[in-house]
Protein backbone atom coordinates (compact mmCIF):
# COMPACT_ATOMS: atom_id res chain seq x y z
CA MET A 1 0.41 -0.57 0.24
CA VAL A 2 0.84 3.66 -0.43
CA VAL A 3 0.57 6.35 1.90
CA VAL A 4 0.28 10.17 0.44
CA GLY A 5 0.87 12.48 3.01
CA SER A 6 2.57 15.01 5.58
CA LEU A 7 5.63 14.60 7.54
CA ASN A 8 6.56 16.24 10.50
CA LEU A 9 8.61 17.16 14.07
CA ASP A 10 6.87 16.53 16.84
CA ARG A 11 7.78 18.53 19.73
CA ARG A 12 5.26 18.21 22.59
CA LEU A 13 4.94 19.36 25.93
CA GLU A 14 3.06 17.34 28.50
CA LEU A 15 0.89 19.89 31.62
CA ASP A 16 -1.78 19.38 34.03
CA ARG A 17 -4.08 21.10 32.08
CA LEU A 18 -3.87 23.27 28.91
CA PRO A 19 -3.18 27.00 29.75
CA ALA A 20 -6.55 29.66 29.12
CA ALA A 21 -5.61 32.86 26.69
CA GLY A 22 -2.62 35.15 28.08
CA GLU A 23 -1.77 32.65 30.78
CA THR A 24 1.42 31.33 31.29
CA VAL A 25 2.00 27.15 33.22
CA ALA A 26 4.75 24.44 33.77
CA ALA A 27 5.28 21.88 31.79
CA ARG A 28 5.65 18.07 33.31
CA ARG A 29 7.92 16.89 30.31
CA ALA A 30 9.17 18.20 27.30
CA SER A 31 9.47 15.54 24.07
CA ILE A 32 10.73 15.63 20.59
CA GLY A 33 9.56 12.43 17.98
CA PRO A 34 7.75 11.75 14.57
CA GLY A 35 4.90 13.17 13.50
CA GLY A 36 1.91 14.60 10.67
CA LYS A 37 -0.39 12.51 9.78
CA GLY A 38 0.76 10.96 6.48
CA LEU A 39 3.70 9.20 8.70
CA ASN A 40 1.55 8.61 11.50
CA GLN A 41 -0.62 6.46 8.96
CA ALA A 42 2.15 4.79 7.20
CA VAL A 43 3.73 3.36 10.53
CA ALA A 44 0.06 2.52 11.92
CA ALA A 45 -0.46 0.64 8.86
CA ALA A 46 3.37 -0.87 8.64
CA ARG A 47 3.03 -1.37 12.42
CA ALA A 48 -0.23 -3.75 12.02
CA GLY A 49 1.17 -5.33 8.93
CA ALA A 50 0.41 -3.54 5.39
CA GLN A 51 3.83 -4.14 3.36
CA VAL A 52 3.96 0.66 2.58
CA GLU A 53 5.66 3.29 0.64
CA LEU A 54 5.75 6.72 1.68
CA LEU A 55 5.58 9.54 -1.11
CA ALA A 56 5.93 13.10 1.04
CA CYS A 57 7.70 15.79 1.64
CA ARG A 58 10.36 17.28 3.67
CA GLY A 59 12.97 19.38 3.98
CA ALA A 60 17.10 19.11 3.34
CA ASP A 61 17.42 19.66 7.03
CA GLU A 62 18.29 17.94 10.49
CA ALA A 63 14.76 17.22 10.84
CA GLY A 64 14.60 15.33 8.16
CA ASP A 65 17.14 13.70 7.63
CA ARG A 66 15.56 12.47 11.34
CA LEU A 67 12.69 12.15 10.51
CA GLU A 68 13.68 9.52 7.49
CA GLN A 69 15.90 7.53 9.15
CA LEU A 70 12.83 6.73 11.49
CA ILE A 71 10.60 5.91 8.72
CA ARG A 72 13.09 3.54 7.51
CA ALA A 73 13.27 1.51 10.88
CA GLU A 74 9.59 1.14 10.65
CA GLY A 75 10.10 -0.76 7.54
CA ILE A 76 8.96 1.84 5.25
CA GLY A 77 9.87 2.98 1.43
CA THR A 78 11.20 6.52 1.20
CA ASP A 79 12.01 6.47 -2.93
CA GLY A 80 8.63 8.27 -2.81
CA VAL A 81 9.89 10.90 -0.60
CA VAL A 82 10.95 14.32 -1.80
CA VAL A 83 13.51 16.88 -0.19
CA LEU A 84 13.35 20.67 -0.86
CA GLU A 85 16.36 22.02 -1.00
CA ASP A 86 14.57 25.50 -0.17
CA THR A 87 11.95 24.92 2.83
CA SER A 88 12.18 22.91 6.14
CA THR A 89 10.31 20.17 7.18
CA GLY A 90 7.28 20.93 8.40
CA GLU A 91 6.76 20.78 12.47
CA ALA A 92 3.12 20.29 14.81
CA MET A 93 3.83 21.92 18.62
CA VAL A 94 1.40 19.69 20.43
CA TRP A 95 0.32 20.33 23.97
CA VAL A 96 -1.20 17.56 25.96
CA ASP A 97 -3.14 17.49 29.63
CA GLN A 98 -3.56 15.30 32.47
CA ALA A 99 -6.81 13.64 31.08
CA GLY A 100 -5.20 13.03 27.46
CA GLU A 101 -7.03 16.36 25.78
CA ASN A 102 -4.48 17.71 23.27
CA CYS A 103 -3.58 21.20 21.01
CA ILE A 104 -1.93 21.17 18.56
CA VAL A 105 0.46 24.15 16.11
CA VAL A 106 1.16 23.05 12.82
CA VAL A 107 3.84 24.62 10.74
CA ALA A 108 3.69 23.20 7.68
CA GLY A 109 7.28 23.71 6.01
CA ALA A 110 7.85 21.26 3.04
CA ASN A 111 4.75 20.08 3.45
CA ASP A 112 2.83 22.55 1.19
CA GLY A 113 5.91 21.74 -0.88
CA MET A 114 3.79 19.14 -2.19
CA ASP A 115 1.81 21.79 -4.66
CA ASP A 116 4.45 22.79 -6.44
CA ARG A 117 5.80 19.00 -6.51
CA GLY A 118 2.89 17.29 -7.84
CA ASP A 119 4.45 16.36 -11.26
CA ASP A 120 6.84 14.38 -8.87
CA VAL A 121 4.38 12.84 -6.45
CA VAL A 122 2.34 11.84 -9.00
CA GLY A 123 4.48 10.32 -11.14
CA ARG A 124 5.97 8.24 -7.92
CA LEU A 125 2.85 7.29 -7.71
CA GLY A 126 2.96 5.88 -11.33
CA GLN A 127 6.33 4.13 -11.44
CA MET A 128 5.21 1.55 -8.91
CA ALA A 129 3.03 -0.19 -10.80
CA LEU A 130 -0.43 -0.43 -9.03
CA VAL A 131 -2.28 -3.71 -8.76
CA PRO A 132 -6.70 -3.89 -8.05
CA ALA A 133 -5.44 -5.89 -5.06
CA ASP A 134 -3.37 -2.10 -3.52
CA VAL A 135 -4.21 0.61 -1.25
CA VAL A 136 -3.33 4.28 -1.42
CA LEU A 137 -4.95 6.03 1.70
CA ALA A 138 -4.03 10.70 2.03
CA GLN A 139 -5.74 12.90 4.40
CA GLY A 140 -6.33 16.24 4.30
CA GLU A 141 -2.68 17.83 6.21
CA THR A 142 -1.75 18.16 2.17
CA SER A 143 -2.82 19.72 -1.38
CA PRO A 144 -6.17 18.19 -2.56
CA ALA A 145 -5.14 19.27 -6.33
CA VAL A 146 -2.33 16.59 -5.70
CA THR A 147 -4.45 14.49 -3.64
CA ALA A 148 -6.90 14.50 -6.18
CA ARG A 149 -4.36 13.90 -9.51
CA ALA A 150 -2.76 10.60 -6.96
CA PHE A 151 -6.70 8.85 -6.71
CA ALA A 152 -6.96 9.53 -9.80
CA GLU A 153 -3.78 7.49 -11.00
CA ALA A 154 -4.49 4.73 -8.46
CA ARG A 155 -8.40 4.43 -9.88
CA ARG A 156 -6.59 3.92 -13.50
CA SER A 157 -5.06 0.86 -12.15
CA GLY A 158 -7.76 -0.31 -10.08
CA ALA A 159 -6.17 -0.27 -6.95
CA ARG A 160 -8.45 1.89 -3.68
CA THR A 161 -8.84 4.80 -1.87
CA ILE A 162 -8.72 5.85 1.42
CA LEU A 163 -9.23 9.21 2.01
CA ASN A 164 -8.77 10.83 5.23
CA LEU A 165 -10.76 13.98 5.30
CA ALA A 166 -8.53 15.65 8.67
CA PRO A 167 -7.98 18.48 9.13
CA TYR A 168 -11.22 19.07 7.18
CA ARG A 169 -10.95 21.70 4.19
CA PRO A 170 -13.43 21.80 1.21
CA PRO A 171 -12.28 18.69 -1.19
CA PRO A 172 -12.80 19.40 -4.88
CA SER A 173 -15.34 16.68 -6.17
CA GLU A 174 -12.86 15.34 -8.33
CA LEU A 175 -11.20 13.98 -5.41
CA LEU A 176 -14.19 12.61 -3.89
CA ASP A 177 -15.15 11.26 -6.34
CA ALA A 178 -11.12 9.06 -6.85
CA THR A 179 -11.87 8.15 -3.19
CA THR A 180 -13.30 4.54 -2.39
CA VAL A 181 -13.69 4.94 1.41
CA LEU A 182 -13.64 8.14 3.40
CA VAL A 183 -12.64 8.13 6.47
CA VAL A 184 -14.03 11.44 8.95
CA ASN A 185 -14.67 11.61 12.48
CA GLU A 186 -17.99 14.28 13.55
CA THR A 187 -17.13 17.47 13.06
CA GLU A 188 -15.64 16.47 10.24
CA PHE A 189 -18.74 14.61 8.85
CA GLU A 190 -21.16 17.57 9.65
CA GLY A 191 -18.42 19.60 7.13
CA VAL A 192 -18.56 17.05 3.57
CA VAL A 193 -22.41 16.56 4.96
CA GLU A 194 -23.14 20.22 3.95
CA LEU A 195 -21.23 19.67 0.50
CA ALA A 196 -24.13 16.85 -0.23
CA ARG A 197 -27.40 19.01 1.93
CA PRO A 198 -29.75 20.00 -0.71
CA LEU A 199 -29.87 23.80 -0.51
CA GLY A 200 -31.59 25.51 2.27
CA SER A 201 -32.35 22.30 4.63
CA SER A 202 -30.43 22.57 8.07
CA GLY A 203 -29.92 20.09 10.84
CA SER A 204 -26.54 18.36 12.18
CA PRO A 205 -25.82 14.82 12.32
CA ARG A 206 -23.87 15.13 15.09
CA SER A 207 -26.29 15.93 17.03
CA SER A 208 -29.53 13.33 14.79
CA GLY A 209 -30.07 10.00 16.16
CA PHE A 210 -28.52 7.07 14.59
CA ASP A 211 -30.71 6.77 11.89
CA ASP A 212 -30.52 10.81 10.92
CA ARG A 213 -26.31 9.38 10.53
CA VAL A 214 -26.72 6.62 8.03
CA ALA A 215 -29.15 8.85 6.19
CA ALA A 216 -26.67 11.89 5.90
CA ALA A 217 -23.86 9.58 5.28
CA ARG A 218 -26.19 7.94 2.56
CA ALA A 219 -26.32 11.41 0.81
CA VAL A 220 -22.54 12.03 1.16
CA LEU A 221 -22.21 8.85 -0.91
CA GLY A 222 -23.90 10.80 -3.77
CA LEU A 223 -21.04 12.84 -3.86
CA GLY A 224 -18.59 9.44 -5.12
CA PRO A 225 -17.63 7.37 -1.91
CA GLU A 226 -18.43 3.88 -2.12
CA VAL A 227 -17.87 4.21 1.69
CA VAL A 228 -18.94 6.00 4.27
CA ILE A 229 -16.81 5.74 8.00
CA VAL A 230 -17.54 8.35 10.62
CA THR A 231 -15.47 7.47 13.65
CA LEU A 232 -17.18 7.77 17.40
CA GLY A 233 -14.37 8.61 19.39
CA ALA A 234 -15.60 6.09 22.94
CA ALA A 235 -18.68 5.15 21.37
CA GLY A 236 -16.64 3.77 18.24
CA ALA A 237 -17.40 3.50 14.60
CA VAL A 238 -20.26 3.54 11.44
CA ALA A 239 -19.35 2.45 8.27
CA VAL A 240 -21.98 3.01 5.39
CA SER A 241 -22.00 1.95 2.02
CA ALA A 242 -25.07 1.83 -0.67
CA GLU A 243 -25.71 -1.98 0.19
CA ARG A 244 -24.82 -2.25 4.74
CA VAL A 245 -24.96 -0.45 8.02
CA VAL A 246 -21.91 -1.94 9.81
CA ALA A 247 -21.37 -0.48 13.61
CA VAL A 248 -18.69 -1.52 16.57
CA ASP A 249 -18.92 0.01 19.75
CA GLY A 250 -15.39 1.22 21.01
CA LEU A 251 -13.55 -0.06 24.03
CA VAL A 252 -13.62 1.09 27.33
CA VAL A 253 -10.06 2.25 28.19
CA ALA A 254 -7.92 4.69 30.58
CA VAL A 255 -6.84 7.31 28.25
CA VAL A 256 -3.34 8.51 28.03
CA ASP A 257 -2.84 10.94 25.36
CA THR A 258 -5.43 11.53 22.43
CA THR A 259 -2.76 12.40 19.73
CA GLY A 260 -3.12 9.93 16.63
CA ALA A 261 -6.01 8.24 17.66
CA GLY A 262 -7.42 9.04 14.41
CA ASP A 263 -4.66 8.25 12.36
CA GLY A 264 -4.33 4.69 14.31
CA PHE A 265 -8.16 3.94 13.24
CA VAL A 266 -7.22 5.42 9.87
CA GLY A 267 -3.53 3.24 9.37
CA ALA A 268 -4.94 0.30 10.74
CA LEU A 269 -7.63 0.62 8.52
CA ALA A 270 -5.72 0.30 5.38
CA ALA A 271 -3.76 -2.83 6.41
CA ALA A 272 -6.79 -4.46 6.73
CA MET A 273 -8.29 -3.65 3.53
CA ALA A 274 -4.21 -4.19 1.80
CA ARG A 275 -5.27 -7.98 3.29
CA ALA A 276 -8.87 -7.53 1.81
CA VAL A 277 -10.36 -7.75 4.93
CA GLU A 278 -14.39 -7.81 5.38
CA LEU A 279 -15.27 -4.19 5.92
CA ASP A 280 -16.99 -5.33 9.49
CA ALA A 281 -13.72 -6.89 10.61
CA ALA A 282 -11.39 -3.98 9.30
CA LEU A 283 -13.88 -1.59 11.12
CA ALA A 284 -12.97 -3.88 14.36
CA TRP A 285 -9.31 -4.12 13.79
CA ALA A 286 -9.39 -0.49 13.37
CA THR A 287 -11.39 0.96 16.79
CA THR A 288 -9.60 -1.41 18.46
CA ALA A 289 -5.61 -0.52 17.50
CA ALA A 290 -7.13 3.51 18.17
CA SER A 291 -7.82 2.07 21.29
CA LEU A 292 -4.84 0.91 22.43
CA VAL A 293 -3.29 4.59 20.35
CA VAL A 294 -5.15 6.00 23.03
CA GLN A 295 -3.37 4.71 26.10
CA ARG A 296 -0.04 5.15 24.97
CA PRO A 297 2.11 9.24 24.74
CA GLY A 298 2.64 10.58 21.61
CA ALA A 299 1.66 10.19 17.93
CA ALA A 300 3.57 7.96 15.85
CA ALA A 301 5.22 6.10 18.54
CA SER A 302 2.11 5.32 20.16
CA MET A 303 1.05 2.69 17.49
CA PRO A 304 0.20 -0.17 18.09
CA SER A 305 1.90 -3.69 16.34
CA ARG A 306 -0.17 -6.46 13.91
CA SER A 307 -0.05 -8.84 17.52
CA GLU A 308 -1.24 -6.10 19.71
CA ILE A 309 -4.39 -5.53 17.78
CA GLU A 310 -5.09 -9.17 17.14
CA GLY A 311 -4.35 -9.79 20.65
CA ALA A 312 -7.21 -7.10 22.01
CA ALA A 313 -9.17 -6.92 18.94
CA VAL A 314 -13.49 -6.38 19.38
CA ARG A 315 -14.09 -9.75 17.40
CA PRO A 316 -11.75 -11.86 15.25
CA ILE A 317 -10.42 -10.13 12.46
CA SER A 318 -10.11 -11.90 8.91
CA GLY A 319 -8.56 -12.82 5.98
CA SER A 320 -5.08 -13.97 5.00
């Protein structure tokens, strides 16, 4: 499988509580580690058993060198990582309180360079000789236009595509049209539902009942995706296609840090799809992975292994 996305160096502060505007608080601990939604999801998929190639942009700097070494140590291919000489590697400042809640500020850096290097990114994807069994995964942290081109290239090969629309920004129609599986949290779901909502209608799928949420997801299917998955945090997740609805309850766990939970879910989902796992089992597998992520500090470093997910799975995983 291939991940198209961002990579950052995360600078993480652990706090008793998040500061109010204008307030100074003391941190209990500071750390530096790998992050960025593309890198996080690539690590999650690789640890969950997938063979992963990463397409991304980084700076020609110490942070970029450090991240590329870490990526290779996870067994992830880096031939698709474009090195930009004139910009710095992306960074994220992550604050985490005692309850595991976080605030994150991202400096995109080289990740924004994907707009200018789109031909390189899509060209490298085209050289990978994708087949229908392959999965191409992307997020909302990098260029939607380049992602749309990458997805179109993947679909021409018959490969499946997964779009995690996080952070949310209105996607171009050609991107949704080339998406096999759309994964969003409740906030992102509201944004994409607005795109599918008839003019003049109103109402929030977050505050509606289960049937209303399913109906809203089916409206989103009209924008192009074959499956819409909504993650519900501790409540689990629901997947909706034209033929079926699958819901999985979350696991009750002690939360340490919610950073990377969504990335753990999406990466594990992609790994399951790459093994041709059925939708219900893949959803349970991904939900279990996310529940393991939140019990550990950090982003990429908190992603669980395949054996860990199997040992805690909501239901047995199927597939070869």
